[in-house]
Amino acid sequence: MSLLRDVVLLITHSDDFFTIDRVAEALSKKGAQPFRLDTDMFPLEVQLTAQFDKSKSYHTIEYNNQLISTEQVQAVWMRRIWEPKLGAELAPQFRQACVSESRATLDGFWDSLKDARWVDHLDRIEAAQNKLRQLRVASEVGFVIPKTLVTNKAEAAREFFQQVNGKMVSKLLTALSYSMQANSSFFLYTSTVKEEDLQDAESLRYCPMVFQEQIPKHLELRVVYVNGKVFVGALDAGVYAASQADWRKPGVDVGGWLHHELPDEVVRRLQVFMGKFGLSFGSLDFILTPSGEYVFLENNPVGEWGMIEKELDLPIASAIADALLEKRDEG
């Protein structure tokens, strides 16, 4: 079993590909040693050990015939955490307890990495994922945002529909899947709301939803922020006009990704916005309207970017590697 040194820990899952490989490759080229930790492989294939005594603690990971201690980890890329894949032989009555204990063990292990550089730290990611907080901060830094209603009251949804002249979309505050893979059946995409849809709005009392005015689109933008740098991919909304509510729906022909440059003022606001959350990374969605207005939609602190690196040859993985290897600020 090999013992690695000067490690950059890549937290992901066993089905992850391309982006994880690109970042690992970029780190290796820069002289670092990437260590991929597939969180769904714990506890069956990953072994974690934590030892404590009166004066110190010692944590190790064993995976794929490699062993590291937390003292070796210089930086951590927080990409994905998945629940464990537990074998069918495990009795159902024990499954939830095993999942809970595994999650608690991982949480404790992350704490042992508190002195490493994170892109980004779990606490900051969790705080930044709140879409209502995002809208508030986006407005405060000067971004244009859609008119928005969050409610579990049916009548409020119907009144809002009239306020936006029937141009309304709905979505959830939290994503129900781990990624935007086309075969995911648990992701609720942004959907256009029709008046007849509101006939059953009383069901909102069980689950509040987000309603927004539907913004006219010239381009949809995926904006990737990495430690002050900005990388942009654009989609021509006219190519998929029949599915304008959400380009991520499976089977939608979105055409090719296009290069796009944000105005300096939008970049400045974006840097301030990310600074408010203390994030080094974000994958943000904007709309560019036919009148030339940039409208902020949301930020995913662990969002996807592989498609625009691949199609536009943008050096996002290299920028992430640079952010991970940057020396920590003094103090």
Protein backbone atom coordinates (compact mmCIF):
# COMPACT_ATOMS: atom_id res chain seq x y z
CA MET A 1 0.00 0.00 0.00
CA SER A 2 1.44 3.37 -1.07
CA LEU A 3 1.66 6.35 1.28
CA LEU A 4 0.93 9.66 -0.46
CA ARG A 5 2.32 13.06 0.49
CA ASP A 6 1.25 16.67 -0.14
CA VAL A 7 -2.24 15.49 -0.97
CA VAL A 8 -5.20 17.35 -2.45
CA LEU A 9 -8.36 15.48 -1.45
CA LEU A 10 -11.12 15.34 -4.08
CA ILE A 11 -14.47 14.56 -2.46
CA THR A 12 -16.88 13.02 -4.97
CA HIS A 13 -18.72 9.78 -5.83
CA SER A 14 -18.00 6.71 -7.94
CA ASP A 15 -20.18 7.74 -10.91
CA ASP A 16 -18.47 11.11 -11.30
CA PHE A 17 -16.45 11.62 -14.47
CA PHE A 18 -14.82 14.23 -16.70
CA THR A 19 -14.77 17.19 -14.30
CA ILE A 20 -13.19 15.15 -11.52
CA ASP A 21 -10.67 13.72 -13.97
CA ARG A 22 -9.83 17.13 -15.41
CA VAL A 23 -9.17 18.64 -11.97
CA ALA A 24 -7.06 15.63 -10.94
CA GLU A 25 -5.05 15.93 -14.15
CA ALA A 26 -4.54 19.68 -13.65
CA LEU A 27 -3.33 19.11 -10.09
CA SER A 28 -0.87 16.45 -11.21
CA LYS A 29 0.53 18.76 -13.87
CA LYS A 30 1.10 21.40 -11.20
CA GLY A 31 3.06 18.96 -9.04
CA ALA A 32 0.33 18.06 -6.52
CA GLN A 33 -0.91 14.60 -5.57
CA PRO A 34 -4.70 14.21 -6.04
CA PHE A 35 -6.52 11.64 -3.90
CA ARG A 36 -10.04 10.79 -5.06
CA LEU A 37 -12.48 9.87 -2.30
CA ASP A 38 -15.73 8.34 -3.58
CA THR A 39 -18.04 8.98 -0.65
CA ASP A 40 -20.61 6.38 -1.74
CA MET A 41 -17.93 3.71 -1.38
CA PHE A 42 -17.78 4.31 2.38
CA PRO A 43 -18.05 2.14 4.42
CA LEU A 44 -17.89 -0.94 2.15
CA GLU A 45 -14.70 -0.11 0.24
CA VAL A 46 -13.28 2.94 2.02
CA GLN A 47 -11.79 2.49 5.49
CA LEU A 48 -11.65 5.46 7.85
CA THR A 49 -9.87 5.41 11.19
CA ALA A 50 -9.91 8.10 13.88
CA GLN A 51 -7.82 7.73 17.02
CA PHE A 52 -7.81 10.13 19.98
CA ASP A 53 -5.81 10.41 23.18
CA LYS A 54 -5.24 13.18 25.71
CA SER A 55 -2.94 15.29 23.54
CA LYS A 56 -3.64 14.53 19.87
CA SER A 57 -5.79 12.83 17.26
CA TYR A 58 -4.92 10.86 14.14
CA HIS A 59 -7.18 10.23 11.13
CA THR A 60 -6.51 8.01 8.12
CA ILE A 61 -8.24 6.96 4.89
CA GLU A 62 -7.58 3.76 2.99
CA TYR A 63 -9.00 3.46 -0.52
CA ASN A 64 -7.84 1.80 -3.74
CA ASN A 65 -4.67 0.51 -2.06
CA GLN A 66 -3.63 3.98 -0.97
CA LEU A 67 -3.37 5.38 2.54
CA ILE A 68 -3.40 9.00 3.68
CA SER A 69 -3.64 10.81 6.97
CA THR A 70 -5.32 14.17 7.38
CA GLU A 71 -1.94 15.70 8.22
CA GLN A 72 -0.90 15.10 4.60
CA VAL A 73 -3.91 16.87 3.10
CA GLN A 74 -3.04 20.38 1.95
CA ALA A 75 -6.36 21.19 0.24
CA VAL A 76 -9.85 19.78 -0.31
CA TRP A 77 -12.13 20.09 -3.36
CA MET A 78 -15.71 19.67 -2.21
CA ARG A 79 -17.54 18.39 -5.28
CA ARG A 80 -20.16 15.87 -4.14
CA ILE A 81 -21.15 13.82 -1.09
CA TRP A 82 -23.37 10.80 -1.78
CA GLU A 83 -25.03 8.30 0.52
CA PRO A 84 -23.30 4.94 0.85
CA LYS A 85 -23.95 2.08 -1.51
CA LEU A 86 -24.84 -0.71 0.89
CA GLY A 87 -25.07 -4.30 -0.24
CA ALA A 88 -28.36 -6.14 -0.69
CA GLU A 89 -27.26 -8.55 2.01
CA LEU A 90 -27.74 -5.85 4.67
CA ALA A 91 -31.05 -6.31 6.49
CA PRO A 92 -33.45 -3.41 5.78
CA GLN A 93 -33.99 -2.67 9.48
CA PHE A 94 -30.28 -1.84 9.82
CA ARG A 95 -29.86 0.18 6.64
CA GLN A 96 -30.88 3.62 7.95
CA ALA A 97 -28.73 3.25 11.05
CA CYS A 98 -25.72 2.36 8.88
CA VAL A 99 -26.35 5.36 6.62
CA SER A 100 -26.66 7.69 9.62
CA GLU A 101 -23.52 6.39 11.31
CA SER A 102 -21.56 6.59 8.06
CA ARG A 103 -22.66 10.19 7.53
CA ALA A 104 -21.70 11.11 11.10
CA THR A 105 -18.29 9.49 10.67
CA LEU A 106 -17.66 11.46 7.46
CA ASP A 107 -18.74 14.67 9.20
CA GLY A 108 -16.16 14.03 11.88
CA PHE A 109 -13.53 13.31 9.29
CA TRP A 110 -14.20 16.63 7.51
CA ASP A 111 -13.62 18.34 10.85
CA SER A 112 -10.16 16.82 11.01
CA LEU A 113 -9.37 18.69 7.76
CA LYS A 114 -10.15 22.11 9.21
CA ASP A 115 -6.58 23.37 8.63
CA ALA A 116 -6.61 22.47 4.92
CA ARG A 117 -7.63 24.91 2.18
CA TRP A 118 -11.19 24.13 1.02
CA VAL A 119 -12.88 24.94 -2.26
CA ASP A 120 -15.28 25.37 -0.67
CA HIS A 121 -15.89 24.62 2.99
CA LEU A 122 -19.08 22.69 3.74
CA ASP A 123 -20.45 25.32 6.13
CA ARG A 124 -20.14 28.04 3.49
CA ILE A 125 -21.65 25.85 0.79
CA GLU A 126 -24.63 25.02 2.99
CA ALA A 127 -25.25 28.66 3.83
CA ALA A 128 -24.92 29.73 0.20
CA GLN A 129 -27.36 27.13 -1.12
CA ASN A 130 -30.37 28.95 0.30
CA LYS A 131 -32.05 30.45 -2.78
CA LEU A 132 -33.91 33.13 -0.82
CA ARG A 133 -30.66 34.35 0.72
CA GLN A 134 -29.12 34.35 -2.77
CA LEU A 135 -31.88 36.59 -4.11
CA ARG A 136 -31.54 39.00 -1.22
CA VAL A 137 -27.77 39.30 -1.59
CA ALA A 138 -28.00 39.50 -5.39
CA SER A 139 -30.39 42.43 -5.09
CA GLU A 140 -28.17 44.11 -2.49
CA VAL A 141 -25.11 44.01 -4.77
CA GLY A 142 -27.07 45.48 -7.66
CA PHE A 143 -28.12 42.49 -9.75
CA VAL A 144 -31.50 42.52 -11.46
CA ILE A 145 -33.59 39.61 -10.15
CA PRO A 146 -36.97 38.22 -11.25
CA LYS A 147 -40.11 39.10 -9.34
CA THR A 148 -40.39 36.18 -6.95
CA LEU A 149 -42.99 34.65 -4.64
CA VAL A 150 -42.38 31.79 -2.21
CA THR A 151 -45.56 30.53 -0.62
CA ASN A 152 -47.65 27.63 0.62
CA LYS A 153 -50.82 29.70 0.15
CA ALA A 154 -52.87 28.89 -2.95
CA GLU A 155 -54.51 32.29 -3.22
CA ALA A 156 -51.16 34.07 -3.07
CA ALA A 157 -49.94 31.98 -6.02
CA ARG A 158 -53.06 32.84 -8.03
CA GLU A 159 -52.70 36.55 -7.26
CA PHE A 160 -49.03 36.49 -8.27
CA PHE A 161 -49.99 34.83 -11.57
CA GLN A 162 -52.16 37.83 -12.34
CA GLN A 163 -49.44 40.29 -11.23
CA VAL A 164 -46.99 38.87 -13.78
CA ASN A 165 -49.68 38.75 -16.51
CA GLY A 166 -49.69 34.97 -16.65
CA LYS A 167 -45.96 34.74 -17.42
CA MET A 168 -44.89 32.56 -14.49
CA VAL A 169 -42.57 29.65 -13.77
CA SER A 170 -42.30 27.40 -10.71
CA LYS A 171 -39.42 25.58 -9.06
CA LEU A 172 -38.26 24.24 -5.70
CA LEU A 173 -35.85 25.85 -3.26
CA THR A 174 -33.78 22.67 -3.14
CA ALA A 175 -32.62 20.32 -5.88
CA LEU A 176 -33.84 16.76 -5.53
CA SER A 177 -30.96 15.11 -7.39
CA TYR A 178 -27.21 15.03 -7.12
CA SER A 179 -26.52 16.19 -10.66
CA MET A 180 -28.01 17.24 -13.97
CA GLN A 181 -27.59 13.86 -15.59
CA ALA A 182 -30.26 13.19 -18.19
CA ASN A 183 -31.27 9.90 -16.56
CA SER A 184 -32.08 11.50 -13.22
CA SER A 185 -35.74 11.10 -12.34
CA PHE A 186 -35.66 13.12 -9.11
CA PHE A 187 -34.78 16.57 -10.39
CA LEU A 188 -37.71 18.98 -10.66
CA TYR A 189 -36.94 21.31 -13.52
CA THR A 190 -38.14 24.88 -13.77
CA SER A 191 -41.59 24.64 -15.33
CA THR A 192 -43.95 27.09 -16.97
CA VAL A 193 -47.18 27.55 -14.99
CA LYS A 194 -50.51 27.77 -16.81
CA GLU A 195 -53.73 29.07 -15.28
CA GLU A 196 -55.26 25.59 -15.21
CA ASP A 197 -52.27 24.37 -13.19
CA LEU A 198 -53.38 26.64 -10.33
CA GLN A 199 -56.72 24.88 -9.99
CA ASP A 200 -54.96 22.36 -7.74
CA ALA A 201 -52.87 24.97 -5.93
CA GLU A 202 -54.39 24.02 -2.57
CA SER A 203 -51.80 21.24 -2.46
CA LEU A 204 -49.23 23.97 -1.71
CA ARG A 205 -50.21 23.65 1.94
CA TYR A 206 -48.14 20.45 1.97
CA CYS A 207 -45.08 21.93 0.28
CA PRO A 208 -44.23 25.59 -0.44
CA MET A 209 -42.90 26.44 -3.88
CA VAL A 210 -41.07 29.24 -5.65
CA PHE A 211 -42.91 31.21 -8.32
CA GLN A 212 -41.14 33.72 -10.54
CA GLU A 213 -42.00 35.95 -13.44
CA GLN A 214 -40.89 34.40 -16.70
CA ILE A 215 -38.03 36.49 -18.04
CA PRO A 216 -37.76 36.97 -21.82
CA LYS A 217 -34.57 35.31 -23.04
CA HIS A 218 -32.03 36.10 -25.70
CA LEU A 219 -29.28 34.02 -24.11
CA GLU A 220 -29.09 31.73 -21.11
CA LEU A 221 -25.72 31.94 -19.40
CA ARG A 222 -23.85 29.46 -17.25
CA VAL A 223 -21.30 31.58 -15.40
CA VAL A 224 -18.54 29.72 -13.57
CA TYR A 225 -16.70 31.71 -10.90
CA VAL A 226 -13.35 30.43 -9.65
CA ASN A 227 -11.43 32.48 -7.11
CA GLY A 228 -12.13 35.80 -8.84
CA LYS A 229 -11.96 34.49 -12.41
CA VAL A 230 -15.08 34.19 -14.56
CA PHE A 231 -15.82 31.66 -17.34
CA VAL A 232 -19.04 31.93 -19.36
CA GLY A 233 -20.98 29.65 -21.67
CA ALA A 234 -24.07 30.92 -23.50
CA LEU A 235 -27.04 29.18 -25.09
CA ASP A 236 -29.15 30.81 -27.75
CA ALA A 237 -32.68 30.60 -26.32
CA GLY A 238 -34.15 30.75 -29.81
CA VAL A 239 -32.73 27.30 -30.57
CA TYR A 240 -34.91 25.63 -27.92
CA ALA A 241 -37.85 28.04 -27.87
CA ALA A 242 -40.34 25.22 -27.26
CA SER A 243 -38.62 24.39 -23.95
CA GLN A 244 -37.64 27.83 -22.75
CA ALA A 245 -38.48 27.18 -19.11
CA ASP A 246 -35.36 25.08 -18.47
CA TRP A 247 -32.62 24.06 -20.91
CA ARG A 248 -31.52 21.21 -18.61
CA LYS A 249 -34.55 19.01 -19.35
CA PRO A 250 -33.57 15.66 -20.88
CA GLY A 251 -33.89 15.52 -24.65
CA VAL A 252 -33.93 19.27 -25.21
CA ASP A 253 -31.82 20.27 -28.23
CA VAL A 254 -30.05 23.36 -26.95
CA GLY A 255 -27.61 23.75 -29.81
CA GLY A 256 -23.95 24.42 -29.11
CA TRP A 257 -22.47 26.42 -26.28
CA LEU A 258 -21.21 29.86 -27.29
CA HIS A 259 -18.48 32.06 -25.87
CA HIS A 260 -19.73 35.17 -24.09
CA GLU A 261 -18.03 38.00 -22.23
CA LEU A 262 -19.76 39.65 -19.29
CA PRO A 263 -19.64 43.45 -18.93
CA ASP A 264 -17.12 44.65 -16.37
CA GLU A 265 -19.87 45.92 -14.08
CA VAL A 266 -21.57 42.49 -14.00
CA VAL A 267 -18.23 40.85 -13.18
CA ARG A 268 -17.62 43.34 -10.38
CA ARG A 269 -21.03 42.65 -8.86
CA LEU A 270 -20.44 38.93 -9.18
CA GLN A 271 -17.16 39.20 -7.28
CA VAL A 272 -18.89 41.16 -4.51
CA PHE A 273 -21.75 38.63 -4.45
CA MET A 274 -19.38 35.67 -4.06
CA GLY A 275 -17.40 37.54 -1.44
CA LYS A 276 -20.54 37.99 0.65
CA PHE A 277 -20.78 34.19 0.89
CA GLY A 278 -17.05 33.62 1.28
CA LEU A 279 -17.00 31.26 -1.71
CA SER A 280 -14.12 30.53 -4.07
CA PHE A 281 -16.36 28.64 -6.52
CA GLY A 282 -19.85 28.99 -7.92
CA SER A 283 -21.84 27.92 -10.96
CA LEU A 284 -24.39 30.65 -11.64
CA ASP A 285 -27.30 31.04 -14.02
CA PHE A 286 -28.19 34.32 -15.69
CA ILE A 287 -30.53 35.37 -18.46
CA LEU A 288 -29.57 38.00 -21.01
CA THR A 289 -32.84 39.55 -22.17
CA PRO A 290 -33.51 40.78 -25.73
CA SER A 291 -33.13 44.33 -24.39
CA GLY A 292 -29.60 43.55 -23.12
CA GLU A 293 -30.35 43.25 -19.39
CA TYR A 294 -28.54 40.64 -17.29
CA VAL A 295 -30.91 38.92 -14.83
CA PHE A 296 -29.56 36.83 -11.95
CA LEU A 297 -31.37 33.52 -11.39
CA GLU A 298 -29.34 31.47 -8.91
CA ASN A 299 -25.98 30.14 -7.78
CA ASN A 300 -25.09 26.50 -7.24
CA PRO A 301 -22.00 26.37 -5.01
CA VAL A 302 -21.13 22.90 -6.36
CA GLY A 303 -22.71 23.26 -9.80
CA GLU A 304 -21.81 21.70 -13.13
CA TRP A 305 -19.33 23.19 -15.59
CA GLY A 306 -17.86 20.30 -17.54
CA MET A 307 -20.02 20.94 -20.60
CA ILE A 308 -18.66 24.43 -21.16
CA GLU A 309 -15.04 23.44 -20.50
CA LYS A 310 -15.43 20.62 -23.00
CA GLU A 311 -17.21 22.53 -25.74
CA LEU A 312 -15.51 25.92 -25.35
CA ASP A 313 -12.08 24.75 -24.19
CA LEU A 314 -12.27 26.94 -21.09
CA PRO A 315 -9.53 26.30 -18.48
CA ILE A 316 -11.89 25.88 -15.54
CA ALA A 317 -10.24 22.74 -14.15
CA SER A 318 -6.87 24.47 -14.19
CA ALA A 319 -8.34 27.48 -12.35
CA ILE A 320 -9.82 25.16 -9.69
CA ALA A 321 -6.43 23.49 -9.29
CA ASP A 322 -4.80 26.91 -8.89
CA ALA A 323 -7.36 27.86 -6.24
CA LEU A 324 -6.67 24.65 -4.33
CA LEU A 325 -2.93 25.17 -4.43
CA GLU A 326 -2.99 28.85 -3.53
CA LYS A 327 -1.21 29.55 -0.27
CA ARG A 328 -3.52 30.16 2.62
CA ASP A 329 -3.87 33.75 3.77
CA GLU A 330 -1.83 34.55 6.83
CA GLY A 331 -3.89 34.53 10.00
